[in-house]
Amino acid sequence: MEYREDKKGNKISALGFGCMRFTRKGSSIDLDKAEKEVMEAIASGVNYLDTAYIYPGSEAALGEILYRNHCRSKVNIATKLPHYMIKSINGVEKTFQEELKRLKTDYVDYYLMHMLTDTSTWDKLVKMGIPDWIKEKLADGTIRNIGFSYHGNTEMFKQLIDVYNWDFCQIQYNYLDENSQAGREGLQYAHAKGMPVIIMEPLRGGRLVNLLPDSAKQLIRQQGKGITPAGLAFKWLYDQPEVTCVLSGMNSIEMVKENVRTASESPAGSLTSEEEELIEQVKEEINKSVKVGCTGCGYCMPCPKGVDIPGTFLCYNAVYTEGKSAARMDYLRCTAFRKNFSSASQCVACGKCEKHCPQQIEIRKELKNAARELENFTYKAAKSAVKLLHLY
């Protein structure tokens, strides 16, 4: 296993175990199966295990697995505070204590503000007293490192990096999100600040494996020299020295072994020129199904009305390349789960964006199309609930 260091010199395995997708048996997690997979990963050198308060049963399952096998001290636990569900610092403390109990531990190695969406959300947490609470936990050792996870655009990510002295961060990043979400620019910005970056959704929820177009799968079979679609996506990430750890929701022993092998054989700088070209060809095949030829360059931004134009088009295209439900969930998370909404329907057709678009996209027209596709009843109801409950 390859290891990469955090800012304090701690060695983190290049591959991390994402515990959100433990196999379920009925309404519960299949604990025996999850235990075999987690322990196989740990035996192979994986030492970073990621869970969250809102992943049903995940924290308790992970805690039980580590307790049964007496290996808590061998691993780093990462879990997350659901700040959007909490109204007071007392609520923060109560939730944290519940997490410790679930995890059967008295400390958390890497603790994240879950889905920190914008600086306004952080300001709200500051008023609640979060900085003093964090300082206390770091001082007494119940939290070893503090960070945040993020879904959103590059500029807001960079602003969040600068509002606090974070120890690490977690972003969605893969070869399709190179110029969206935090993107390569955000990754490099965080790295330049000395921050370890944990990668989530390296396969876009499996979409860079199971939902690849047949033409893309054929390209990988013909030109990949035995590499799998998952291996290619992971290797693209490991090639970048700014990437600290890549999370994978592994739910089979075979998947664990394959991902461990890729992580062990893919140091930074190991991606070949042939593999780089193959990835570009695969992206071309994926993009044949897109509706809007947006490259995510961001020249159209900022929008005077706050619309996340590149993010909207990413989700709109995903409806046709990855499926409606996943695309709409990403859109909801990136535009509505925040204090300042960034929905496509906020567009007032001022046309400022179109003057700066290198692709000469009819942005106003396509934003209307995107709003019709993405902002269904469920989206509107969730957005209203966020506003009504002041969750962010």
Protein backbone atom coordinates (compact mmCIF):
# COMPACT_ATOMS: atom_id res chain seq x y z
CA MET A 1 0.00 0.00 0.00
CA GLU A 2 1.22 3.51 -0.82
CA TYR A 3 0.89 6.13 1.92
CA ARG A 4 0.69 9.89 1.61
CA GLU A 5 1.21 12.32 4.50
CA ASP A 6 -1.16 14.85 6.01
CA LYS A 7 0.07 18.27 7.22
CA LYS A 8 1.01 16.81 10.62
CA GLY A 9 3.13 14.04 9.15
CA ASN A 10 0.59 11.25 9.68
CA LYS A 11 0.64 8.60 6.97
CA ILE A 12 -2.70 8.00 5.26
CA SER A 13 -3.26 5.07 2.91
CA ALA A 14 -3.76 6.14 -0.70
CA LEU A 15 -6.92 4.02 -0.71
CA GLY A 16 -9.60 4.72 1.87
CA PHE A 17 -12.65 2.62 2.73
CA GLY A 18 -15.92 4.48 2.19
CA CYS A 19 -18.48 2.99 4.58
CA MET A 20 -21.60 4.58 3.09
CA ARG A 21 -22.24 1.63 0.78
CA PHE A 22 -21.99 -1.32 3.15
CA THR A 23 -24.18 -4.12 1.79
CA ARG A 24 -27.59 -4.23 3.44
CA LYS A 25 -29.59 -7.27 4.46
CA GLY A 26 -33.18 -6.13 4.61
CA SER A 27 -33.27 -2.88 6.55
CA SER A 28 -29.94 -3.45 8.31
CA ILE A 29 -26.30 -3.61 7.30
CA ASP A 30 -24.97 -7.11 6.63
CA LEU A 31 -22.43 -6.84 9.43
CA ASP A 32 -20.64 -10.15 8.84
CA LYS A 33 -20.10 -9.36 5.16
CA ALA A 34 -18.98 -5.79 5.91
CA GLU A 35 -16.59 -7.12 8.57
CA LYS A 36 -14.87 -9.45 6.10
CA GLU A 37 -14.43 -6.61 3.59
CA VAL A 38 -13.20 -4.05 6.11
CA MET A 39 -10.75 -6.47 7.70
CA GLU A 40 -9.43 -7.54 4.28
CA ALA A 41 -8.78 -3.88 3.52
CA ILE A 42 -7.08 -3.25 6.87
CA ALA A 43 -4.91 -6.37 6.46
CA SER A 44 -3.88 -4.98 3.05
CA GLY A 45 -2.78 -1.65 4.54
CA VAL A 46 -5.88 0.54 4.30
CA ASN A 47 -5.92 2.79 7.36
CA TYR A 48 -8.51 5.48 6.53
CA LEU A 49 -12.19 4.57 7.09
CA ASP A 50 -14.86 7.13 6.22
CA THR A 51 -18.40 7.23 7.58
CA ALA A 52 -20.98 9.84 8.64
CA TYR A 53 -23.76 10.44 11.14
CA ILE A 54 -26.43 10.31 8.44
CA TYR A 55 -25.30 7.06 6.76
CA PRO A 56 -27.91 4.67 8.21
CA GLY A 57 -26.23 2.19 10.54
CA SER A 58 -22.74 2.89 9.17
CA GLU A 59 -21.08 4.39 12.25
CA ALA A 60 -22.43 1.66 14.53
CA ALA A 61 -21.37 -1.08 12.10
CA LEU A 62 -17.86 0.31 11.76
CA GLY A 63 -17.55 0.70 15.52
CA GLU A 64 -18.62 -2.89 16.10
CA ILE A 65 -16.21 -4.24 13.45
CA LEU A 66 -13.23 -2.42 14.95
CA TYR A 67 -14.25 -3.42 18.48
CA ARG A 68 -14.65 -7.10 17.59
CA ASN A 69 -11.23 -7.21 15.97
CA HIS A 70 -9.36 -5.05 18.51
CA CYS A 71 -7.90 -2.83 15.79
CA ARG A 72 -9.12 0.67 16.58
CA SER A 73 -5.56 1.92 17.11
CA LYS A 74 -4.45 0.67 13.68
CA VAL A 75 -6.82 2.90 11.69
CA ASN A 76 -8.01 6.45 11.22
CA ILE A 77 -11.75 7.00 11.60
CA ALA A 78 -13.28 9.86 9.65
CA THR A 79 -16.85 10.87 10.37
CA LYS A 80 -18.99 13.95 9.92
CA LEU A 81 -21.12 16.44 11.81
CA PRO A 82 -24.59 16.96 10.26
CA HIS A 83 -24.55 20.69 11.09
CA TYR A 84 -27.60 21.27 8.87
CA MET A 85 -29.68 19.29 11.39
CA ILE A 86 -28.43 21.16 14.46
CA LYS A 87 -29.58 24.47 15.95
CA SER A 88 -27.24 25.00 18.91
CA ILE A 89 -23.79 24.20 20.24
CA ASN A 90 -25.46 21.88 22.77
CA GLY A 91 -26.88 20.00 19.81
CA VAL A 92 -23.41 19.77 18.30
CA GLU A 93 -22.01 18.28 21.51
CA LYS A 94 -24.91 15.83 21.87
CA THR A 95 -24.48 14.63 18.29
CA PHE A 96 -20.72 14.23 18.65
CA GLN A 97 -21.10 12.19 21.84
CA GLU A 98 -23.64 9.98 20.08
CA GLU A 99 -21.13 9.42 17.27
CA LEU A 100 -18.41 8.42 19.73
CA LYS A 101 -20.82 5.95 21.32
CA ARG A 102 -21.79 4.47 17.97
CA LEU A 103 -18.15 4.15 16.94
CA LYS A 104 -17.15 2.63 20.29
CA THR A 105 -14.25 5.06 20.58
CA ASP A 106 -13.23 8.07 22.65
CA TYR A 107 -11.73 10.06 19.78
CA VAL A 108 -12.16 10.73 16.05
CA ASP A 109 -9.05 11.04 13.90
CA TYR A 110 -10.59 13.11 11.09
CA TYR A 111 -13.80 15.04 11.78
CA LEU A 112 -15.63 16.90 9.04
CA MET A 113 -18.31 19.54 8.77
CA HIS A 114 -20.54 17.51 6.45
CA MET A 115 -21.44 19.19 3.14
CA LEU A 116 -20.23 22.64 4.10
CA THR A 117 -21.83 24.52 1.24
CA ASP A 118 -20.72 28.16 1.37
CA THR A 119 -19.16 30.85 3.55
CA SER A 120 -22.59 31.98 4.75
CA THR A 121 -23.17 28.53 6.21
CA TRP A 122 -19.81 28.72 7.96
CA ASP A 123 -20.67 32.19 9.30
CA LYS A 124 -23.82 30.70 10.83
CA LEU A 125 -21.73 28.01 12.53
CA VAL A 126 -19.30 30.64 13.79
CA LYS A 127 -22.18 32.50 15.44
CA MET A 128 -23.26 29.21 17.00
CA GLY A 129 -19.83 28.88 18.60
CA ILE A 130 -18.31 26.10 16.47
CA PRO A 131 -14.73 27.51 16.44
CA ASP A 132 -14.50 27.44 20.26
CA TRP A 133 -16.04 23.96 20.33
CA ILE A 134 -13.51 22.72 17.75
CA LYS A 135 -10.64 24.32 19.69
CA GLU A 136 -11.74 22.51 22.84
CA LYS A 137 -11.98 19.14 21.10
CA LEU A 138 -8.59 19.51 19.42
CA ALA A 139 -7.05 20.48 22.75
CA ASP A 140 -8.41 17.47 24.64
CA GLY A 141 -7.69 15.06 21.78
CA THR A 142 -11.23 13.86 21.16
CA ILE A 143 -10.82 15.26 17.64
CA ARG A 144 -7.37 14.92 16.08
CA ASN A 145 -7.95 16.75 12.76
CA ILE A 146 -10.76 19.06 11.62
CA GLY A 147 -11.98 19.50 8.06
CA PHE A 148 -15.00 19.74 5.81
CA SER A 149 -16.58 17.93 2.87
CA TYR A 150 -17.82 19.90 -0.10
CA HIS A 151 -20.08 19.80 -3.15
CA GLY A 152 -20.23 22.99 -5.18
CA ASN A 153 -18.21 25.24 -7.46
CA THR A 154 -14.51 26.04 -7.42
CA GLU A 155 -14.65 29.66 -6.29
CA MET A 156 -16.76 28.98 -3.23
CA PHE A 157 -14.52 26.05 -2.33
CA LYS A 158 -11.48 28.32 -2.37
CA GLN A 159 -13.29 30.85 -0.19
CA LEU A 160 -14.14 28.14 2.34
CA ILE A 161 -10.52 27.00 2.41
CA ASP A 162 -9.55 30.50 3.54
CA VAL A 163 -12.15 31.12 6.27
CA TYR A 164 -10.58 28.76 8.83
CA ASN A 165 -7.33 26.95 9.57
CA TRP A 166 -8.53 23.54 8.40
CA ASP A 167 -6.42 20.41 8.74
CA PHE A 168 -7.88 18.70 5.65
CA CYS A 169 -10.81 18.67 3.24
CA GLN A 170 -12.85 16.23 1.15
CA ILE A 171 -14.08 16.84 -2.39
CA GLN A 172 -15.85 15.05 -5.22
CA TYR A 173 -13.25 14.59 -7.95
CA ASN A 174 -12.75 12.29 -10.92
CA TYR A 175 -11.80 12.61 -14.58
CA LEU A 176 -15.28 13.88 -15.47
CA ASP A 177 -15.23 16.47 -12.66
CA GLU A 178 -11.82 17.85 -13.55
CA ASN A 179 -13.31 21.26 -14.32
CA SER A 180 -16.44 21.15 -12.16
CA GLN A 181 -17.18 20.90 -8.43
CA ALA A 182 -13.95 21.93 -6.63
CA GLY A 183 -12.09 20.59 -9.64
CA ARG A 184 -8.38 20.39 -10.32
CA GLU A 185 -8.06 24.10 -9.57
CA GLY A 186 -9.58 23.62 -6.11
CA LEU A 187 -7.47 20.53 -5.47
CA GLN A 188 -4.29 22.42 -6.26
CA TYR A 189 -5.40 25.44 -4.24
CA ALA A 190 -5.95 23.32 -1.14
CA HIS A 191 -2.65 21.52 -1.66
CA ALA A 192 -0.82 24.84 -1.98
CA LYS A 193 -2.23 25.74 1.44
CA GLY A 194 -0.71 22.56 2.87
CA MET A 195 -4.05 20.76 3.15
CA PRO A 196 -4.45 17.02 2.55
CA VAL A 197 -7.32 16.36 0.13
CA ILE A 198 -9.53 13.29 0.48
CA ILE A 199 -11.34 12.27 -2.71
CA MET A 200 -14.93 11.04 -2.75
CA GLU A 201 -16.93 9.78 -5.75
CA PRO A 202 -13.85 8.72 -7.75
CA LEU A 203 -16.15 6.64 -9.96
CA ARG A 204 -19.14 9.02 -9.85
CA GLY A 205 -21.09 6.50 -7.76
CA GLY A 206 -20.00 3.67 -10.07
CA ARG A 207 -21.03 5.56 -13.20
CA LEU A 208 -17.50 5.49 -14.60
CA VAL A 209 -17.76 1.71 -14.51
CA ASN A 210 -21.30 0.38 -14.85
CA LEU A 211 -22.85 3.22 -16.83
CA LEU A 212 -20.04 3.84 -19.28
CA PRO A 213 -21.23 3.78 -22.91
CA ASP A 214 -20.51 0.46 -24.59
CA SER A 215 -18.16 2.28 -26.96
CA ALA A 216 -16.12 3.54 -24.01
CA LYS A 217 -15.96 0.08 -22.45
CA GLN A 218 -14.75 -1.31 -25.75
CA LEU A 219 -12.01 1.32 -25.96
CA ILE A 220 -10.74 0.32 -22.51
CA ARG A 221 -10.82 -3.38 -23.41
CA GLN A 222 -8.92 -2.77 -26.65
CA GLN A 223 -6.38 -0.19 -25.50
CA GLY A 224 -6.17 -0.51 -21.73
CA LYS A 225 -3.67 -3.42 -21.67
CA GLY A 226 -5.68 -5.23 -19.04
CA ILE A 227 -6.67 -2.24 -16.90
CA THR A 228 -10.30 -2.10 -15.78
CA PRO A 229 -12.53 1.00 -16.02
CA ALA A 230 -12.25 1.40 -12.24
CA GLY A 231 -8.49 0.94 -12.33
CA LEU A 232 -8.14 3.59 -15.01
CA ALA A 233 -10.20 6.10 -13.02
CA PHE A 234 -8.25 5.43 -9.82
CA LYS A 235 -4.90 5.62 -11.57
CA TRP A 236 -5.83 9.04 -13.01
CA LEU A 237 -6.34 10.24 -9.44
CA TYR A 238 -3.24 8.64 -7.93
CA ASP A 239 -1.16 10.20 -10.68
CA GLN A 240 -1.72 13.60 -9.04
CA PRO A 241 0.52 14.25 -6.02
CA GLU A 242 -2.06 16.67 -4.60
CA VAL A 243 -4.42 13.74 -3.96
CA THR A 244 -3.93 12.31 -0.49
CA CYS A 245 -6.49 9.50 -0.24
CA VAL A 246 -9.16 8.13 -2.58
CA LEU A 247 -12.30 6.73 -0.97
CA SER A 248 -14.02 3.69 -2.41
CA GLY A 249 -17.29 2.16 -1.26
CA MET A 250 -16.08 -1.42 -1.52
CA ASN A 251 -18.68 -4.14 -1.05
CA SER A 252 -16.91 -7.29 -2.16
CA ILE A 253 -13.58 -8.92 -1.35
CA GLU A 254 -12.73 -8.90 -5.04
CA MET A 255 -13.28 -5.14 -5.21
CA VAL A 256 -11.07 -4.62 -2.17
CA LYS A 257 -8.26 -6.67 -3.70
CA GLU A 258 -8.46 -4.91 -7.07
CA ASN A 259 -8.50 -1.44 -5.51
CA VAL A 260 -5.64 -2.29 -3.15
CA ARG A 261 -3.59 -3.56 -6.09
CA THR A 262 -4.23 -0.37 -8.08
CA ALA A 263 -3.34 1.84 -5.12
CA SER A 264 -0.15 -0.11 -4.49
CA GLU A 265 0.99 0.08 -8.12
CA SER A 266 0.09 3.70 -8.92
CA PRO A 267 2.45 6.27 -7.39
CA ALA A 268 2.16 9.91 -8.46
CA GLY A 269 3.39 10.41 -12.00
CA SER A 270 2.77 6.81 -13.12
CA LEU A 271 -0.05 7.47 -15.59
CA THR A 272 1.31 6.81 -19.08
CA SER A 273 0.71 9.05 -22.09
CA GLU A 274 -1.26 6.18 -23.66
CA GLU A 275 -3.52 6.02 -20.62
CA GLU A 276 -3.99 9.79 -20.65
CA GLU A 277 -5.06 9.60 -24.28
CA LEU A 278 -7.38 6.68 -23.51
CA ILE A 279 -9.11 8.71 -20.81
CA GLU A 280 -9.62 11.58 -23.24
CA GLN A 281 -11.17 9.17 -25.74
CA VAL A 282 -13.45 7.72 -23.05
CA LYS A 283 -14.56 11.23 -22.09
CA GLU A 284 -15.34 11.95 -25.75
CA GLU A 285 -17.56 8.88 -25.89
CA ILE A 286 -19.35 9.90 -22.70
CA ASN A 287 -19.80 13.46 -23.94
CA LYS A 288 -21.50 12.35 -27.16
CA SER A 289 -24.68 12.08 -25.11
CA VAL A 290 -24.49 15.52 -23.51
CA LYS A 291 -27.07 18.22 -24.18
CA VAL A 292 -24.87 21.28 -23.63
CA GLY A 293 -21.25 21.55 -24.74
CA CYS A 294 -20.12 23.25 -21.53
CA THR A 295 -16.46 22.67 -20.62
CA GLY A 296 -16.79 24.08 -17.11
CA CYS A 297 -14.32 26.87 -17.83
CA GLY A 298 -16.32 29.33 -15.69
CA TYR A 299 -15.90 32.35 -18.00
CA CYS A 300 -19.67 32.88 -17.70
CA MET A 301 -19.35 33.44 -13.96
CA PRO A 302 -20.22 35.07 -11.66
CA CYS A 303 -23.89 35.27 -12.50
CA PRO A 304 -25.53 38.48 -11.18
CA LYS A 305 -28.39 36.36 -9.81
CA GLY A 306 -26.19 33.67 -8.30
CA VAL A 307 -26.94 30.87 -10.77
CA ASP A 308 -24.26 28.16 -10.79
CA ILE A 309 -24.16 27.93 -14.58
CA PRO A 310 -21.39 25.30 -15.05
CA GLY A 311 -22.78 23.21 -12.20
CA THR A 312 -26.28 23.34 -13.68
CA PHE A 313 -25.07 22.19 -17.08
CA LEU A 314 -23.02 19.40 -15.52
CA CYS A 315 -26.15 18.02 -13.83
CA TYR A 316 -28.31 18.63 -16.91
CA ASN A 317 -25.89 16.64 -19.05
CA ALA A 318 -25.74 13.92 -16.40
CA VAL A 319 -29.48 13.32 -16.86
CA TYR A 320 -28.63 11.91 -20.30
CA THR A 321 -25.30 10.27 -19.52
CA GLU A 322 -25.88 8.89 -16.03
CA GLY A 323 -29.61 8.85 -15.29
CA LYS A 324 -32.25 11.24 -13.98
CA SER A 325 -32.34 10.33 -10.29
CA ALA A 326 -28.59 10.67 -9.68
CA ALA A 327 -28.36 13.88 -11.70
CA ARG A 328 -31.28 15.47 -9.88
CA MET A 329 -29.83 14.52 -6.51
CA ASP A 330 -26.49 16.11 -7.43
CA TYR A 331 -28.30 19.24 -8.60
CA LEU A 332 -30.33 19.45 -5.39
CA ARG A 333 -27.21 19.05 -3.28
CA CYS A 334 -25.19 21.63 -5.21
CA THR A 335 -27.82 24.35 -5.70
CA ALA A 336 -30.42 24.09 -2.91
CA PHE A 337 -28.61 22.76 0.16
CA ARG A 338 -27.13 26.16 0.93
CA LYS A 339 -28.13 29.53 2.33
CA ASN A 340 -27.84 31.31 -1.03
CA PHE A 341 -29.61 29.23 -3.67
CA SER A 342 -27.97 28.88 -7.09
CA SER A 343 -30.79 27.33 -9.15
CA ALA A 344 -31.15 27.67 -12.92
CA SER A 345 -34.64 29.15 -12.46
CA GLN A 346 -33.09 32.25 -10.89
CA CYS A 347 -31.88 33.33 -14.34
CA VAL A 348 -33.44 36.63 -15.48
CA ALA A 349 -32.05 36.36 -19.03
CA CYS A 350 -29.76 39.37 -18.72
CA GLY A 351 -27.34 37.80 -21.22
CA LYS A 352 -24.13 38.82 -19.44
CA CYS A 353 -22.93 35.21 -19.35
CA GLU A 354 -23.29 34.67 -23.10
CA LYS A 355 -20.91 37.54 -23.89
CA HIS A 356 -18.07 35.64 -22.22
CA CYS A 357 -18.77 32.03 -23.26
CA PRO A 358 -15.93 30.65 -25.47
CA GLN A 359 -18.25 27.87 -26.69
CA GLN A 360 -20.93 30.39 -27.75
CA ILE A 361 -23.58 28.43 -25.87
CA GLU A 362 -27.09 29.87 -25.78
CA ILE A 363 -26.90 29.89 -22.01
CA ARG A 364 -30.22 31.58 -21.31
CA LYS A 365 -32.10 29.09 -23.45
CA GLU A 366 -30.28 26.08 -22.02
CA LEU A 367 -30.79 27.23 -18.42
CA LYS A 368 -34.54 27.21 -19.06
CA ASN A 369 -34.27 23.69 -20.47
CA ALA A 370 -32.20 22.60 -17.50
CA ALA A 371 -34.67 24.07 -15.01
CA ARG A 372 -37.53 22.19 -16.66
CA GLU A 373 -35.59 18.92 -16.44
CA LEU A 374 -33.99 19.27 -13.01
CA GLU A 375 -36.38 21.34 -10.92
CA ASN A 376 -39.22 18.88 -10.52
CA PHE A 377 -41.73 18.72 -7.66
CA THR A 378 -39.29 16.92 -5.36
CA TYR A 379 -36.62 19.55 -5.94
CA LYS A 380 -39.01 22.42 -5.25
CA ALA A 381 -40.32 20.76 -2.10
CA ALA A 382 -36.82 20.12 -0.77
CA LYS A 383 -35.75 23.67 -1.57
CA SER A 384 -38.79 25.05 0.27
CA ALA A 385 -38.02 22.85 3.26
CA VAL A 386 -34.43 24.10 3.40
CA LYS A 387 -35.67 27.69 3.33
CA LEU A 388 -38.46 27.10 5.85
CA LEU A 389 -36.29 25.25 8.35
CA HIS A 390 -33.22 27.47 7.84
CA LEU A 391 -31.09 24.35 7.59
CA TYR A 392 -28.21 26.26 6.05
